[in-house]
């Protein structure tokens, strides 16, 4: 064996134990994280982003009488990014004790904990949210759109075309209208698999508005959830295929509910009527999550 070969062989023997299964590499220096690292699995947080006090539920095609509905947001932590489903009622309403009465609908909207504060509880700032996906752009679903100019917005192309007409529909969130021209958008012409692995899908469910969408989330332990958006507002809407008179297309609305029923049955999913308070109460208490 030549001298160089003997030297290389000796070096190999010296370093071999450090590469074996029992050796530990030196710990890398830790660096501070702006946000918590992405979880190894998909997580779903649900929390209230406002409330709606309704004088007469006949407005929603339901039994007459007063009721309170909730306007939830859903935050999905995925290894490939963070997605916020709907942005709830405008955070500025939290500044008005007793909420704000909409003179057009006679619905009183109130916010108890601003969305920005709830994100902070998850160690997130609005700029940390990769995607903001809208079921539709009514004020109780897109009220805080303007908080997310750095995120990619996901919505139906039909919804944007409807919302951006001149003059725009009165029900469209002002913050959406003022912000959408300067954000990056992913416009959908149907269903979409957001992260490409089947865990988070958006499905077209038009009728409430022309470009309405619903959310399907597949979790390892909790199973599949189908979240309605406003494809239906109440259990009664869902069970009896009732639709509010202000929906843009009743026939489309009913077809969309039938489509969701097919998705629920095919995947043995849990169906979530987004505005129903008992549905939100069934989730782990925030900041808890399903996974």
Protein backbone atom coordinates (compact mmCIF):
# COMPACT_ATOMS: atom_id res chain seq x y z
CA UNK A 1 0.00 0.00 0.00
CA UNK A 2 1.41 3.36 -1.03
CA UNK A 3 1.76 6.15 1.58
CA UNK A 4 -1.21 8.15 0.24
CA UNK A 5 -3.43 5.07 0.28
CA UNK A 6 -2.37 4.22 3.88
CA UNK A 7 -3.18 7.79 4.94
CA UNK A 8 -6.67 7.70 3.38
CA UNK A 9 -7.41 4.31 4.93
CA UNK A 10 -6.45 5.57 8.38
CA UNK A 11 -8.59 8.67 7.94
CA UNK A 12 -11.59 6.49 6.97
CA UNK A 13 -11.22 4.35 10.10
CA UNK A 14 -11.02 7.39 12.35
CA UNK A 15 -14.17 9.03 10.93
CA UNK A 16 -16.26 5.88 10.48
CA UNK A 17 -17.83 5.80 14.03
CA UNK A 18 -19.16 9.33 13.62
CA UNK A 19 -21.25 8.16 10.67
CA UNK A 20 -22.71 5.15 12.45
CA UNK A 21 -26.17 4.92 13.96
CA UNK A 22 -24.97 5.63 17.48
CA UNK A 23 -23.25 8.93 16.78
CA UNK A 24 -24.88 12.34 17.01
CA UNK A 25 -23.96 15.21 14.74
CA UNK A 26 -23.23 18.53 16.43
CA UNK A 27 -26.40 20.55 16.99
CA UNK A 28 -26.94 23.32 14.49
CA UNK A 29 -27.14 26.81 15.87
CA UNK A 30 -30.79 27.75 16.38
CA UNK A 31 -32.20 30.79 14.63
CA UNK A 32 -35.31 32.64 15.70
CA UNK A 33 -38.46 31.89 13.72
CA UNK A 34 -40.78 34.64 12.56
CA UNK A 35 -43.67 32.16 12.81
CA UNK A 36 -43.91 28.65 14.26
CA UNK A 37 -42.55 25.97 11.90
CA UNK A 38 -45.15 24.25 9.75
CA UNK A 39 -46.61 21.17 11.43
CA UNK A 40 -45.81 17.76 9.93
CA UNK A 41 -49.53 17.19 9.42
CA UNK A 42 -52.49 19.32 8.40
CA UNK A 43 -54.17 21.17 11.27
CA UNK A 44 -57.51 22.96 11.25
CA UNK A 45 -58.36 25.76 13.67
CA UNK A 46 -61.90 27.20 13.87
CA UNK A 47 -62.84 30.43 15.64
CA UNK A 48 -65.53 33.10 15.68
CA UNK A 49 -64.87 36.12 13.47
CA UNK A 50 -68.10 37.88 14.31
CA UNK A 51 -71.78 37.38 15.03
CA UNK A 52 -75.01 38.34 13.28
CA UNK A 53 -78.17 39.15 15.24
CA UNK A 54 -81.12 38.59 12.91
CA UNK A 55 -84.60 39.96 13.63
CA UNK A 56 -86.45 37.46 11.46
CA UNK A 57 -84.96 34.27 10.03
CA UNK A 58 -87.52 34.35 7.24
CA UNK A 59 -84.91 36.59 5.62
CA UNK A 60 -82.85 33.40 5.22
CA UNK A 61 -85.71 31.21 4.02
CA UNK A 62 -86.03 29.66 7.48
CA UNK A 63 -88.67 29.58 10.19
CA UNK A 64 -89.70 33.07 11.31
CA UNK A 65 -88.26 34.51 14.50
CA UNK A 66 -85.05 36.10 15.81
CA UNK A 67 -81.75 34.20 15.92
CA UNK A 68 -78.06 34.76 16.25
CA UNK A 69 -75.66 33.19 13.77
CA UNK A 70 -71.87 33.06 13.93
CA UNK A 71 -69.38 34.08 11.25
CA UNK A 72 -66.41 31.73 11.67
CA UNK A 73 -62.97 31.72 10.13
CA UNK A 74 -60.94 28.55 9.56
CA UNK A 75 -57.15 28.54 9.64
CA UNK A 76 -55.38 25.58 8.04
CA UNK A 77 -51.72 24.93 8.83
CA UNK A 78 -50.21 22.75 6.11
CA UNK A 79 -46.55 21.80 5.61
CA UNK A 80 -46.65 23.82 2.37
CA UNK A 81 -48.30 26.95 3.72
CA UNK A 82 -51.09 28.50 5.73
CA UNK A 83 -54.61 29.03 4.38
CA UNK A 84 -57.32 31.19 5.93
CA UNK A 85 -60.87 30.36 4.86
CA UNK A 86 -62.99 33.54 5.02
CA UNK A 87 -62.07 36.65 6.99
CA UNK A 88 -65.29 37.29 8.90
CA UNK A 89 -66.85 40.58 9.96
CA UNK A 90 -64.78 43.77 9.79
CA UNK A 91 -62.55 44.02 12.88
CA UNK A 92 -63.43 47.72 13.26
CA UNK A 93 -66.90 46.67 14.42
CA UNK A 94 -65.27 45.56 17.68
CA UNK A 95 -64.88 49.25 18.51
CA UNK A 96 -68.66 49.77 18.66
CA UNK A 97 -70.33 48.49 21.80
CA UNK A 98 -73.33 46.40 20.90
CA UNK A 99 -72.25 46.03 17.29
CA UNK A 100 -73.22 47.79 14.08
CA UNK A 101 -76.71 47.69 12.57
CA UNK A 102 -76.87 47.25 8.82
CA UNK A 103 -79.74 49.56 7.80
CA UNK A 104 -80.37 47.63 4.58
CA UNK A 105 -80.82 44.16 6.11
CA UNK A 106 -81.59 45.12 9.74
CA UNK A 107 -78.89 42.62 10.79
CA UNK A 108 -76.71 43.71 13.70
CA UNK A 109 -73.10 42.59 13.31
CA UNK A 110 -70.67 42.51 16.19
CA UNK A 111 -67.09 41.37 16.76
CA UNK A 112 -65.91 40.20 20.16
CA UNK A 113 -62.29 39.34 19.33
CA UNK A 114 -60.70 40.86 16.23
CA UNK A 115 -59.26 38.48 13.66
CA UNK A 116 -55.84 40.06 13.96
CA UNK A 117 -55.77 39.20 17.69
CA UNK A 118 -56.80 35.62 17.02
CA UNK A 119 -54.01 35.21 14.51
CA UNK A 120 -51.64 36.60 17.10
CA UNK A 121 -52.73 33.82 19.47
CA UNK A 122 -51.32 31.42 16.88
CA UNK A 123 -48.12 33.49 16.63
CA UNK A 124 -49.11 34.68 13.18
CA UNK A 125 -49.36 38.10 11.60
CA UNK A 126 -51.58 38.71 8.57
CA UNK A 127 -48.48 38.76 6.36
CA UNK A 128 -47.67 35.19 7.47
CA UNK A 129 -50.84 33.81 5.86
CA UNK A 130 -49.93 32.26 2.51
CA UNK A 131 -53.45 32.02 1.08
CA UNK A 132 -56.74 33.71 1.87
CA UNK A 133 -59.62 31.79 0.30
CA UNK A 134 -63.13 33.25 0.15
CA UNK A 135 -66.32 31.25 0.06
CA UNK A 136 -67.74 34.49 -1.36
CA UNK A 137 -67.25 38.19 -0.79
CA UNK A 138 -70.22 39.28 1.33
CA UNK A 139 -69.32 41.50 4.27
CA UNK A 140 -69.49 38.75 6.90
CA UNK A 141 -67.07 36.54 4.93
CA UNK A 142 -64.67 39.07 3.42
CA UNK A 143 -64.91 41.84 6.01
CA UNK A 144 -61.19 41.74 6.83
CA UNK A 145 -59.88 41.15 3.31
CA UNK A 146 -57.84 44.36 3.50
CA UNK A 147 -55.70 42.87 6.29
CA UNK A 148 -54.07 40.53 3.77
CA UNK A 149 -52.50 42.46 0.89
CA UNK A 150 -49.40 40.22 1.06
CA UNK A 151 -51.35 36.93 0.77
CA UNK A 152 -52.50 35.19 -2.39
CA UNK A 153 -56.28 35.44 -2.61
CA UNK A 154 -58.22 32.45 -3.89
CA UNK A 155 -61.70 32.98 -5.24
CA UNK A 156 -63.90 32.06 -8.16
CA UNK A 157 -63.47 34.01 -11.36
CA UNK A 158 -67.29 34.29 -11.55
CA UNK A 159 -67.32 35.80 -8.05
CA UNK A 160 -64.78 38.47 -8.97
CA UNK A 161 -66.64 39.32 -12.17
CA UNK A 162 -69.87 39.71 -10.21
CA UNK A 163 -68.32 41.69 -7.35
CA UNK A 164 -66.41 44.09 -9.59
CA UNK A 165 -69.35 45.27 -11.69
CA UNK A 166 -70.15 48.98 -11.72
CA UNK A 167 -71.75 49.80 -9.40
CA UNK A 168 -70.81 46.79 -7.26
CA UNK A 169 -73.49 44.84 -5.39
CA UNK A 170 -74.27 46.45 -2.02
CA UNK A 171 -73.50 43.22 -0.17
CA UNK A 172 -69.84 43.06 -1.25
CA UNK A 173 -67.33 43.84 1.52
CA UNK A 174 -65.82 47.34 1.08
CA UNK A 175 -62.39 46.09 2.16
CA UNK A 176 -62.45 43.52 -0.60
CA UNK A 177 -63.28 46.13 -3.23
CA UNK A 178 -60.57 48.53 -2.07
CA UNK A 179 -57.83 45.89 -1.94
CA UNK A 180 -58.35 43.33 -4.69
CA UNK A 181 -56.81 45.40 -7.53
CA UNK A 182 -53.38 45.27 -5.87
CA UNK A 183 -53.13 41.69 -4.60
CA UNK A 184 -51.97 38.47 -6.17
CA UNK A 185 -54.99 36.33 -6.98
CA UNK A 186 -55.60 32.73 -7.94
CA UNK A 187 -58.89 32.74 -9.81
CA UNK A 188 -60.71 29.42 -10.01
CA UNK A 189 -62.92 28.22 -12.85
CA UNK A 190 -64.16 25.21 -10.89
CA UNK A 191 -62.73 22.94 -8.20
CA UNK A 192 -59.13 23.16 -7.00
CA UNK A 193 -56.71 21.04 -4.95
CA UNK A 194 -54.88 23.83 -3.17
CA UNK A 195 -51.73 22.05 -1.99
CA UNK A 196 -51.76 19.29 -4.61
CA UNK A 197 -52.07 16.41 -2.14
CA UNK A 198 -55.84 16.11 -1.71
CA UNK A 199 -55.93 17.49 1.83
CA UNK A 200 -57.46 20.90 1.09
CA UNK A 201 -59.91 21.27 -1.78
CA UNK A 202 -62.20 24.09 -2.81
CA UNK A 203 -65.34 23.07 -4.67
CA UNK A 204 -67.65 25.23 -6.73
CA UNK A 205 -71.10 25.64 -5.15
CA UNK A 206 -72.73 28.61 -6.92
CA UNK A 207 -76.17 29.94 -6.14
CA UNK A 208 -75.88 32.05 -3.02
CA UNK A 209 -73.63 34.24 -5.16
CA UNK A 210 -72.54 33.49 -8.73
CA UNK A 211 -69.10 32.26 -7.70
CA UNK A 212 -69.76 30.77 -4.28
CA UNK A 213 -67.37 28.03 -3.08
CA UNK A 214 -67.22 25.46 -0.27
CA UNK A 215 -64.25 23.84 1.47
CA UNK A 216 -63.25 20.18 1.85
CA UNK A 217 -60.50 19.34 4.35
CA UNK A 218 -59.09 15.84 4.77
CA UNK A 219 -57.41 15.25 8.15
CA UNK A 220 -55.51 12.18 9.27
CA UNK A 221 -57.29 11.66 12.59
CA UNK A 222 -60.47 13.70 12.34
CA UNK A 223 -61.34 12.49 8.84
CA UNK A 224 -62.94 14.60 6.12
CA UNK A 225 -64.90 17.79 6.78
CA UNK A 226 -67.06 19.56 4.23
CA UNK A 227 -67.55 23.21 5.23
CA UNK A 228 -70.57 24.83 3.63
CA UNK A 229 -69.74 28.49 3.35
CA UNK A 230 -73.18 29.97 2.62
CA UNK A 231 -74.37 27.11 0.44
CA UNK A 232 -76.74 26.84 3.40
CA UNK A 233 -77.04 29.09 6.43
CA UNK A 234 -78.84 26.88 8.94
CA UNK A 235 -79.65 23.26 9.67
CA UNK A 236 -83.16 23.95 8.35
CA UNK A 237 -81.76 25.27 5.07
CA UNK A 238 -79.72 22.10 4.68
CA UNK A 239 -82.35 19.58 5.73
CA UNK A 240 -85.19 21.08 3.68
CA UNK A 241 -83.15 22.61 0.82
CA UNK A 242 -84.42 26.08 1.72
CA UNK A 243 -82.72 29.11 0.21
CA UNK A 244 -82.77 32.79 1.14
CA UNK A 245 -84.77 34.94 -1.25
CA UNK A 246 -81.68 37.09 -1.86
CA UNK A 247 -79.61 34.23 -3.33
CA UNK A 248 -78.64 35.02 -6.90
CA UNK A 249 -79.99 31.70 -8.24
CA UNK A 250 -82.28 29.35 -6.33
CA UNK A 251 -81.92 26.43 -8.74
CA UNK A 252 -78.13 26.65 -8.61
CA UNK A 253 -78.34 26.85 -4.81
CA UNK A 254 -80.30 23.60 -4.57
CA UNK A 255 -78.00 21.84 -7.05
CA UNK A 256 -75.02 22.96 -4.98
CA UNK A 257 -76.54 21.55 -1.79
CA UNK A 258 -77.19 18.27 -3.61
CA UNK A 259 -73.60 18.25 -4.78
CA UNK A 260 -72.34 18.75 -1.24
CA UNK A 261 -74.59 15.94 -0.03
CA UNK A 262 -72.99 13.67 -2.63
CA UNK A 263 -69.49 14.66 -1.47
CA UNK A 264 -70.41 14.05 2.17
CA UNK A 265 -71.87 10.62 1.43
CA UNK A 266 -68.99 9.54 -0.83
CA UNK A 267 -66.28 10.43 1.70
CA UNK A 268 -68.27 9.70 4.91
CA UNK A 269 -67.51 13.30 5.82
CA UNK A 270 -68.65 15.52 8.64
CA UNK A 271 -70.77 18.31 7.20
CA UNK A 272 -70.35 21.73 8.79
CA UNK A 273 -73.06 24.38 8.39
CA UNK A 274 -70.68 27.29 8.67
CA UNK A 275 -73.02 29.86 10.27
CA UNK A 276 -74.55 27.54 12.89
CA UNK A 277 -73.19 28.26 16.40
CA UNK A 278 -73.41 24.61 17.49
CA UNK A 279 -71.16 23.60 14.60
CA UNK A 280 -68.44 25.96 15.78
CA UNK A 281 -68.92 24.78 19.38
CA UNK A 282 -68.20 21.20 18.23
CA UNK A 283 -64.62 22.16 17.25
CA UNK A 284 -61.80 22.10 19.83
CA UNK A 285 -61.80 25.33 21.78
CA UNK A 286 -59.49 27.85 20.11
CA UNK A 287 -56.50 27.77 19.84
CA UNK A 288 -57.03 24.01 19.81
CA UNK A 289 -57.25 22.23 16.47
CA UNK A 290 -58.30 19.15 14.59
CA UNK A 291 -55.67 17.07 12.81
